[in-house]
Amino acid sequence: LDKTGTITKGEPALTDLVAAPGVGGDELLALAAAAEKASEHPLGEAVVKAAAARGLSLGEVSDFEAVPGHGIRAAVGGRAVLIGNARHMAAAGVDISGAAAAVERLSGEGKTPLIVAADGRWLGLVAVADTVKESSAAAVAALRRMGIEVAMITGDSRRAAEAIARQVGIDRVLAEVLPADKAAEVAKLQAEGRKVAMVGDGINDAPALARADLGVAIG
């Protein structure tokens, strides 16, 4: 099972703003929301909604690019903005040592921290959280009673993923998996002679759904 939109409702909301020294919370949120305006991902939509609720003015965005499994990059008011996970920042050479403690804490609470950087400098992070569907724990329990092994696969950090998995009774968690690598995980199970059904919301699960013998897109 994919996590976001399958086990969870896929309707995350902003929970935390952690600004770097010298950066205001509204400034951080406005910049992040401006960059996320063109995003179709639920996490990005949550950031934009939070900025709208605060009545923040958003700058013009251009050169938007989604980097699957990592985050986004965009130009906002002449600034080169990056939003995403630690791998995204590392690939761009952004020092996020100042964000490490906050990322660890928020992930442990089951939230997804999105690191925000501009012009090569870490500015802070925005955290969003999704809620588990009311039916998820019962569905997982029913599948296990049928003798079906249930695992969760997600691009989220391991700590955040395990926090959600505990809520629904899933023991096996494949975390920090890039969208393209989900298909490879399915293939590994099939190579062991298992029959695999991959369930996802279709946003970035298409390769794995296509690779599985049985795929169900929910959305």
Protein backbone atom coordinates (compact mmCIF):
# COMPACT_ATOMS: atom_id res chain seq x y z
CA LEU A 1 0.00 0.00 0.00
CA ASP A 2 1.19 3.49 -0.81
CA LYS A 3 0.85 5.87 2.13
CA THR A 4 -0.39 9.28 0.99
CA GLY A 5 -3.91 9.14 -0.39
CA THR A 6 -4.25 5.40 0.20
CA ILE A 7 -3.66 4.74 3.90
CA THR A 8 -4.05 8.42 4.66
CA LYS A 9 -6.73 10.80 3.40
CA GLY A 10 -4.35 12.65 1.12
CA GLU A 11 -5.51 15.95 2.58
CA PRO A 12 -2.51 17.20 4.57
CA ALA A 13 -2.53 20.50 6.42
CA LEU A 14 0.27 22.79 7.58
CA THR A 15 1.28 22.08 11.19
CA ASP A 16 4.61 23.80 11.81
CA LEU A 17 6.84 26.62 10.56
CA VAL A 18 10.49 26.54 11.59
CA ALA A 19 12.38 29.57 10.27
CA ALA A 20 16.14 29.92 10.14
CA PRO A 21 17.67 32.79 12.15
CA GLY A 22 16.82 36.12 10.60
CA VAL A 23 13.90 34.76 8.57
CA GLY A 24 10.29 35.59 9.45
CA GLY A 25 7.62 32.92 9.55
CA ASP A 26 5.33 34.72 7.11
CA GLU A 27 8.25 35.37 4.79
CA LEU A 28 9.11 31.67 4.82
CA LEU A 29 5.54 30.55 4.22
CA ALA A 30 4.90 33.10 1.45
CA LEU A 31 8.01 32.03 -0.44
CA ALA A 32 7.23 28.34 -0.07
CA ALA A 33 3.61 28.82 -1.13
CA ALA A 34 4.58 30.89 -4.18
CA ALA A 35 6.91 28.12 -5.35
CA GLU A 36 4.29 25.44 -4.68
CA LYS A 37 1.50 27.19 -6.60
CA ALA A 38 2.16 25.10 -9.69
CA SER A 39 2.46 21.82 -7.79
CA GLU A 40 -0.19 19.11 -8.06
CA HIS A 41 1.05 17.25 -4.98
CA PRO A 42 -1.20 17.32 -1.87
CA LEU A 43 1.71 18.49 0.28
CA GLY A 44 2.26 21.52 -1.92
CA GLU A 45 -1.45 22.30 -1.95
CA ALA A 46 -1.46 22.30 1.86
CA VAL A 47 1.27 24.95 1.92
CA VAL A 48 -0.60 27.15 -0.56
CA LYS A 49 -3.85 26.86 1.41
CA ALA A 50 -2.08 27.83 4.64
CA ALA A 51 -0.64 30.96 3.02
CA ALA A 52 -4.06 31.89 1.63
CA ALA A 53 -5.61 31.47 5.09
CA ARG A 54 -3.09 33.99 6.45
CA GLY A 55 -3.79 36.41 3.61
CA LEU A 56 -0.19 36.38 2.43
CA SER A 57 0.77 37.90 -0.90
CA LEU A 58 2.56 35.43 -3.16
CA GLY A 59 5.22 36.32 -5.70
CA GLU A 60 5.20 35.27 -9.33
CA VAL A 61 6.63 31.84 -10.05
CA SER A 62 8.42 30.63 -13.16
CA ASP A 63 10.61 27.74 -14.26
CA PHE A 64 8.71 25.35 -12.00
CA GLU A 65 9.95 21.78 -11.98
CA ALA A 66 8.84 18.83 -9.89
CA VAL A 67 11.63 16.39 -9.01
CA PRO A 68 9.86 13.09 -8.20
CA GLY A 69 10.75 11.73 -4.80
CA HIS A 70 12.76 14.82 -3.89
CA GLY A 71 10.70 18.02 -4.11
CA ILE A 72 10.46 20.99 -6.42
CA ARG A 73 12.54 23.83 -7.81
CA ALA A 74 11.25 27.15 -9.09
CA ALA A 75 12.11 30.80 -9.57
CA VAL A 76 10.18 33.21 -7.36
CA GLY A 77 10.79 36.91 -7.74
CA GLY A 78 14.23 36.27 -9.18
CA ARG A 79 15.21 33.86 -6.40
CA ALA A 80 16.11 30.23 -7.06
CA VAL A 81 13.90 28.29 -4.64
CA LEU A 82 14.19 24.64 -3.62
CA ILE A 83 11.63 22.81 -1.48
CA GLY A 84 11.81 19.17 -0.51
CA ASN A 85 13.69 16.56 1.45
CA ALA A 86 17.29 16.25 2.55
CA ARG A 87 18.28 14.38 -0.62
CA HIS A 88 16.97 17.27 -2.71
CA MET A 89 19.06 19.74 -0.73
CA ALA A 90 22.18 17.56 -0.78
CA ALA A 91 21.97 17.25 -4.56
CA ALA A 92 21.99 21.06 -4.78
CA GLY A 93 24.80 21.46 -2.27
CA VAL A 94 22.64 23.24 0.33
CA ASP A 95 23.89 23.03 3.93
CA ILE A 96 20.91 21.99 6.08
CA SER A 97 22.76 21.12 9.28
CA GLY A 98 20.72 23.77 11.08
CA ALA A 99 17.52 21.95 10.15
CA ALA A 100 18.54 18.46 11.29
CA ALA A 101 17.06 18.56 14.80
CA ALA A 102 13.72 19.96 13.63
CA VAL A 103 13.48 17.44 10.79
CA GLU A 104 14.12 14.58 13.22
CA ARG A 105 11.58 15.83 15.75
CA LEU A 106 8.79 16.49 13.25
CA SER A 107 9.34 13.21 11.41
CA GLY A 108 9.05 11.36 14.71
CA GLU A 109 5.65 12.99 15.18
CA GLY A 110 4.45 11.54 11.88
CA LYS A 111 4.69 14.87 10.06
CA THR A 112 6.41 15.52 6.75
CA PRO A 113 8.98 18.33 6.96
CA LEU A 114 9.61 20.21 3.70
CA ILE A 115 12.94 22.02 3.74
CA VAL A 116 12.94 25.44 2.07
CA ALA A 117 16.03 27.03 0.53
CA ALA A 118 16.63 30.01 -1.72
CA ASP A 119 19.76 30.93 -3.65
CA GLY A 120 21.66 28.07 -2.06
CA ARG A 121 20.79 28.97 1.54
CA TRP A 122 18.54 27.12 3.99
CA LEU A 123 15.67 29.39 5.08
CA GLY A 124 13.66 27.02 7.24
CA LEU A 125 11.10 24.29 6.88
CA VAL A 126 7.36 23.89 6.70
CA ALA A 127 5.80 20.73 8.10
CA VAL A 128 2.55 19.17 6.99
CA ALA A 129 0.62 16.23 8.37
CA ASP A 130 -1.94 13.94 6.86
CA THR A 131 -4.54 11.98 8.79
CA VAL A 132 -5.16 8.27 8.52
CA LYS A 133 -8.42 7.20 6.89
CA GLU A 134 -10.92 5.89 9.42
CA SER A 135 -11.13 2.59 7.50
CA SER A 136 -7.40 1.94 7.07
CA ALA A 137 -6.68 0.01 10.29
CA ALA A 138 -9.74 -2.22 9.78
CA ALA A 139 -8.80 -2.84 6.15
CA VAL A 140 -5.25 -3.83 7.08
CA ALA A 141 -6.54 -6.14 9.81
CA ALA A 142 -8.98 -7.77 7.37
CA LEU A 143 -6.23 -8.39 4.82
CA ARG A 144 -4.01 -9.95 7.46
CA ARG A 145 -6.84 -12.26 8.57
CA MET A 146 -7.00 -13.43 4.95
CA GLY A 147 -3.34 -14.40 5.16
CA ILE A 148 -2.16 -11.46 3.06
CA GLU A 149 1.08 -9.83 4.07
CA VAL A 150 0.64 -6.05 4.12
CA ALA A 151 3.49 -3.60 3.64
CA MET A 152 3.60 0.16 3.21
CA ILE A 153 5.77 1.90 0.64
CA THR A 154 6.40 5.65 0.58
CA GLY A 155 8.87 8.33 -0.33
CA ASP A 156 8.56 9.86 3.14
CA SER A 157 11.29 9.63 5.76
CA ARG A 158 11.47 6.39 7.73
CA ARG A 159 10.48 7.97 11.04
CA ALA A 160 7.41 9.69 9.57
CA ALA A 161 6.42 6.53 7.69
CA GLU A 162 6.77 4.29 10.73
CA ALA A 163 4.64 6.66 12.81
CA ILE A 164 1.78 6.25 10.32
CA ALA A 165 2.34 2.49 9.96
CA ARG A 166 1.99 1.99 13.72
CA GLN A 167 -1.44 3.61 13.63
CA VAL A 168 -2.80 1.04 11.16
CA GLY A 169 -0.98 -2.11 12.29
CA ILE A 170 1.60 -2.41 9.51
CA ASP A 171 4.98 -3.82 10.49
CA ARG A 172 6.84 -3.80 7.20
CA VAL A 173 7.70 -0.31 5.97
CA LEU A 174 9.61 0.59 2.82
CA ALA A 175 10.47 4.26 3.27
CA GLU A 176 12.37 6.90 1.29
CA VAL A 177 11.61 5.04 -1.95
CA LEU A 178 11.66 7.14 -5.10
CA PRO A 179 8.60 6.78 -7.39
CA ALA A 180 10.58 4.98 -10.10
CA ASP A 181 12.03 2.60 -7.50
CA LYS A 182 8.59 1.47 -6.32
CA ALA A 183 8.38 -0.69 -9.44
CA ALA A 184 11.72 -2.27 -8.55
CA GLU A 185 10.44 -3.15 -5.06
CA VAL A 186 7.41 -4.85 -6.62
CA ALA A 187 9.70 -6.73 -9.00
CA LYS A 188 11.83 -7.98 -6.07
CA LEU A 189 8.78 -9.49 -4.40
CA GLN A 190 7.63 -11.07 -7.66
CA ALA A 191 11.09 -12.56 -8.16
CA GLU A 192 10.60 -14.36 -4.83
CA GLY A 193 7.55 -16.05 -6.34
CA ARG A 194 5.02 -13.85 -4.57
CA LYS A 195 1.81 -12.59 -6.09
CA VAL A 196 1.75 -8.85 -5.57
CA ALA A 197 -1.04 -6.28 -5.56
CA MET A 198 0.10 -2.67 -5.46
CA VAL A 199 -2.45 -0.12 -4.28
CA GLY A 200 -1.78 3.58 -4.81
CA ASP A 201 -3.48 6.85 -5.63
CA GLY A 202 -1.95 7.10 -9.08
CA ILE A 203 -0.07 10.41 -8.58
CA ASN A 204 3.37 8.85 -8.61
CA ASP A 205 2.57 5.15 -8.31
CA ALA A 206 1.92 4.41 -11.99
CA PRO A 207 5.22 2.54 -12.65
CA ALA A 208 4.66 0.20 -9.71
CA LEU A 209 0.98 -0.29 -10.55
CA ALA A 210 1.94 -1.20 -14.10
CA ARG A 211 4.64 -3.64 -12.91
CA ALA A 212 2.42 -5.48 -10.42
CA ASP A 213 0.28 -8.42 -11.51
CA LEU A 214 -2.65 -6.69 -9.85
CA GLY A 215 -2.76 -2.93 -9.51
CA VAL A 216 -5.55 -0.80 -8.11
CA ALA A 217 -5.50 2.96 -8.49
CA ILE A 218 -7.57 4.78 -5.88
CA GLY A 219 -8.28 8.45 -6.16
